[in-house]
Amino acid sequence: ATGYDVDAFVHRSQVLDFSHGSAVRFQAYLDCNQKVKARNLQSTGLDDVVGGAITVTRKAVESLGEGYLAVGMGAEVQVLYVGDEGDGEEHGWLYVLDCL
């Protein structure tokens, strides 16, 4: 969860409808013991990603060359720009900043 350097707890009953590796969006909150928990899990995909969002990579991506970012699986990145669907060179690309 943004602002916390810990994983959010998700109850098993909330993940039964998802398969391993599924991308999800959730609402994070602090319980009465100040532990980060997740609720309202929703399936998400590339179409749901917007500029400014913080997201986690689902697989490692190697750099295609100078100027391209290489990230490992599970890396936290901030989406700067989502490629234009109407532009064949940009469609399907995310322009991101590594949140190391």
C-alpha atoms as a PDB file:
ATOM      1  CA  ALA A   1       0.000   0.000   0.000  1.00  0.00           C
ATOM      2  CA  THR A   2       1.323   3.427  -0.872  1.00  0.00           C
ATOM      3  CA  GLY A   3       3.138   5.000   2.071  1.00  0.00           C
ATOM      4  CA  TYR A   4       3.709   1.696   3.879  1.00  0.00           C
ATOM      5  CA  ASP A   5       6.743  -0.526   3.502  1.00  0.00           C
ATOM      6  CA  VAL A   6       4.796  -3.723   4.246  1.00  0.00           C
ATOM      7  CA  ASP A   7       2.566  -6.099   2.321  1.00  0.00           C
ATOM      8  CA  ALA A   8      -1.190  -5.811   2.752  1.00  0.00           C
ATOM      9  CA  PHE A   9      -2.949  -8.767   4.387  1.00  0.00           C
ATOM     10  CA  VAL A  10      -5.638 -10.333   2.188  1.00  0.00           C
ATOM     11  CA  HIS A  11      -8.043 -12.858   3.652  1.00  0.00           C
ATOM     12  CA  ARG A  12      -8.141 -16.189   1.817  1.00  0.00           C
ATOM     13  CA  SER A  13     -11.866 -15.822   1.076  1.00  0.00           C
ATOM     14  CA  GLN A  14     -11.094 -12.670  -0.946  1.00  0.00           C
ATOM     15  CA  VAL A  15      -8.713 -14.405  -3.356  1.00  0.00           C
ATOM     16  CA  LEU A  16     -10.670 -17.572  -4.152  1.00  0.00           C
ATOM     17  CA  ASP A  17     -11.949 -16.119  -7.458  1.00  0.00           C
ATOM     18  CA  PHE A  18      -8.450 -15.219  -8.685  1.00  0.00           C
ATOM     19  CA  SER A  19      -5.752 -17.461 -10.128  1.00  0.00           C
ATOM     20  CA  HIS A  20      -2.032 -17.243  -9.328  1.00  0.00           C
ATOM     21  CA  GLY A  21      -0.483 -14.234 -11.082  1.00  0.00           C
ATOM     22  CA  SER A  22      -3.772 -12.338 -11.488  1.00  0.00           C
ATOM     23  CA  ALA A  23      -3.492  -8.559 -11.480  1.00  0.00           C
ATOM     24  CA  VAL A  24      -5.817  -7.021  -8.914  1.00  0.00           C
ATOM     25  CA  ARG A  25      -6.735  -3.599  -7.625  1.00  0.00           C
ATOM     26  CA  PHE A  26      -7.748  -3.186  -3.989  1.00  0.00           C
ATOM     27  CA  GLN A  27      -8.508  -0.673  -1.285  1.00  0.00           C
ATOM     28  CA  ALA A  28      -5.929  -0.628   1.531  1.00  0.00           C
ATOM     29  CA  TYR A  29      -6.829   0.296   5.091  1.00  0.00           C
ATOM     30  CA  LEU A  30      -5.437   0.059   8.624  1.00  0.00           C
ATOM     31  CA  ASP A  31      -7.227  -2.259  11.047  1.00  0.00           C
ATOM     32  CA  CYS A  32      -7.629  -1.502  14.762  1.00  0.00           C
ATOM     33  CA  ASN A  33      -4.095  -2.886  15.352  1.00  0.00           C
ATOM     34  CA  GLN A  34      -2.614  -0.557  12.679  1.00  0.00           C
ATOM     35  CA  LYS A  35      -1.988  -3.496  10.310  1.00  0.00           C
ATOM     36  CA  VAL A  36      -2.382  -2.872   6.558  1.00  0.00           C
ATOM     37  CA  LYS A  37      -5.217  -4.924   5.093  1.00  0.00           C
ATOM     38  CA  ALA A  38      -6.849  -5.127   1.662  1.00  0.00           C
ATOM     39  CA  ARG A  39     -10.521  -5.166   0.710  1.00  0.00           C
ATOM     40  CA  ASN A  40     -12.676  -4.745  -2.391  1.00  0.00           C
ATOM     41  CA  LEU A  41     -10.350  -6.750  -4.649  1.00  0.00           C
ATOM     42  CA  GLN A  42     -11.105  -6.319  -8.354  1.00  0.00           C
ATOM     43  CA  SER A  43      -9.534  -7.884 -11.408  1.00  0.00           C
ATOM     44  CA  THR A  44      -7.529  -5.408 -13.451  1.00  0.00           C
ATOM     45  CA  GLY A  45      -5.707  -5.411 -16.747  1.00  0.00           C
ATOM     46  CA  LEU A  46      -3.729  -3.078 -18.989  1.00  0.00           C
ATOM     47  CA  ASP A  47      -6.910  -1.247 -19.984  1.00  0.00           C
ATOM     48  CA  ASP A  48      -7.410  -0.242 -16.329  1.00  0.00           C
ATOM     49  CA  VAL A  49      -3.940   1.288 -15.891  1.00  0.00           C
ATOM     50  CA  VAL A  50      -3.833   5.091 -15.894  1.00  0.00           C
ATOM     51  CA  GLY A  51      -1.062   7.665 -15.726  1.00  0.00           C
ATOM     52  CA  GLY A  52       0.039   8.397 -12.174  1.00  0.00           C
ATOM     53  CA  ALA A  53      -0.905   4.924 -10.893  1.00  0.00           C
ATOM     54  CA  ILE A  54       1.545   2.905  -8.801  1.00  0.00           C
ATOM     55  CA  THR A  55       1.541  -0.729  -9.898  1.00  0.00           C
ATOM     56  CA  VAL A  56       3.588  -3.909  -9.486  1.00  0.00           C
ATOM     57  CA  THR A  57       5.083  -5.775 -12.435  1.00  0.00           C
ATOM     58  CA  ARG A  58       3.740  -9.283 -13.047  1.00  0.00           C
ATOM     59  CA  LYS A  59       6.843 -10.500 -14.846  1.00  0.00           C
ATOM     60  CA  ALA A  60      10.452  -9.470 -15.406  1.00  0.00           C
ATOM     61  CA  VAL A  61      11.158  -7.283 -18.427  1.00  0.00           C
ATOM     62  CA  GLU A  62      14.620  -7.006 -19.962  1.00  0.00           C
ATOM     63  CA  SER A  63      15.795  -3.741 -21.448  1.00  0.00           C
ATOM     64  CA  LEU A  64      15.491  -3.532 -25.236  1.00  0.00           C
ATOM     65  CA  GLY A  65      18.417  -1.128 -25.321  1.00  0.00           C
ATOM     66  CA  GLU A  66      19.532   2.283 -24.182  1.00  0.00           C
ATOM     67  CA  GLY A  67      16.649   4.320 -22.809  1.00  0.00           C
ATOM     68  CA  TYR A  68      14.516   1.306 -21.884  1.00  0.00           C
ATOM     69  CA  LEU A  69      13.909   0.220 -18.294  1.00  0.00           C
ATOM     70  CA  ALA A  70      14.645  -3.326 -17.133  1.00  0.00           C
ATOM     71  CA  VAL A  71      12.536  -4.433 -14.154  1.00  0.00           C
ATOM     72  CA  GLY A  72      12.228  -7.625 -12.165  1.00  0.00           C
ATOM     73  CA  MET A  73       8.995  -9.427 -11.383  1.00  0.00           C
ATOM     74  CA  GLY A  74       7.262  -7.736  -8.449  1.00  0.00           C
ATOM     75  CA  ALA A  75       8.923  -4.347  -8.988  1.00  0.00           C
ATOM     76  CA  GLU A  76       6.879  -1.314  -7.977  1.00  0.00           C
ATOM     77  CA  VAL A  77       6.612   1.257 -10.778  1.00  0.00           C
ATOM     78  CA  GLN A  78       4.751   4.516 -11.329  1.00  0.00           C
ATOM     79  CA  VAL A  79       2.945   4.768 -14.657  1.00  0.00           C
ATOM     80  CA  LEU A  80       3.889   8.024 -16.376  1.00  0.00           C
ATOM     81  CA  TYR A  81       2.080   7.474 -19.651  1.00  0.00           C
ATOM     82  CA  VAL A  82      -0.055   4.765 -21.271  1.00  0.00           C
ATOM     83  CA  GLY A  83       0.706   4.232 -24.954  1.00  0.00           C
ATOM     84  CA  ASP A  84      -1.847   5.587 -27.438  1.00  0.00           C
ATOM     85  CA  GLU A  85      -4.099   2.802 -28.776  1.00  0.00           C
ATOM     86  CA  GLY A  86      -4.313   4.601 -32.109  1.00  0.00           C
ATOM     87  CA  ASP A  87      -0.535   4.698 -32.549  1.00  0.00           C
ATOM     88  CA  GLY A  88       0.841   1.335 -33.696  1.00  0.00           C
ATOM     89  CA  GLU A  89       4.264   2.058 -32.178  1.00  0.00           C
ATOM     90  CA  GLU A  90       2.851   2.999 -28.748  1.00  0.00           C
ATOM     91  CA  HIS A  91      -0.095   0.592 -28.415  1.00  0.00           C
ATOM     92  CA  GLY A  92       0.458  -1.827 -25.525  1.00  0.00           C
ATOM     93  CA  TRP A  93       3.385   0.124 -24.051  1.00  0.00           C
ATOM     94  CA  LEU A  94       3.572   1.659 -20.590  1.00  0.00           C
ATOM     95  CA  TYR A  95       6.076   4.388 -19.841  1.00  0.00           C
ATOM     96  CA  VAL A  96       7.026   3.985 -16.185  1.00  0.00           C
ATOM     97  CA  LEU A  97       9.392   5.161 -13.444  1.00  0.00           C
ATOM     98  CA  ASP A  98      10.969   2.554 -11.151  1.00  0.00           C
ATOM     99  CA  CYS A  99       9.963   3.316  -7.539  1.00  0.00           C
ATOM    100  CA  LEU A 100      13.150   1.958  -5.940  1.00  0.00           C
END
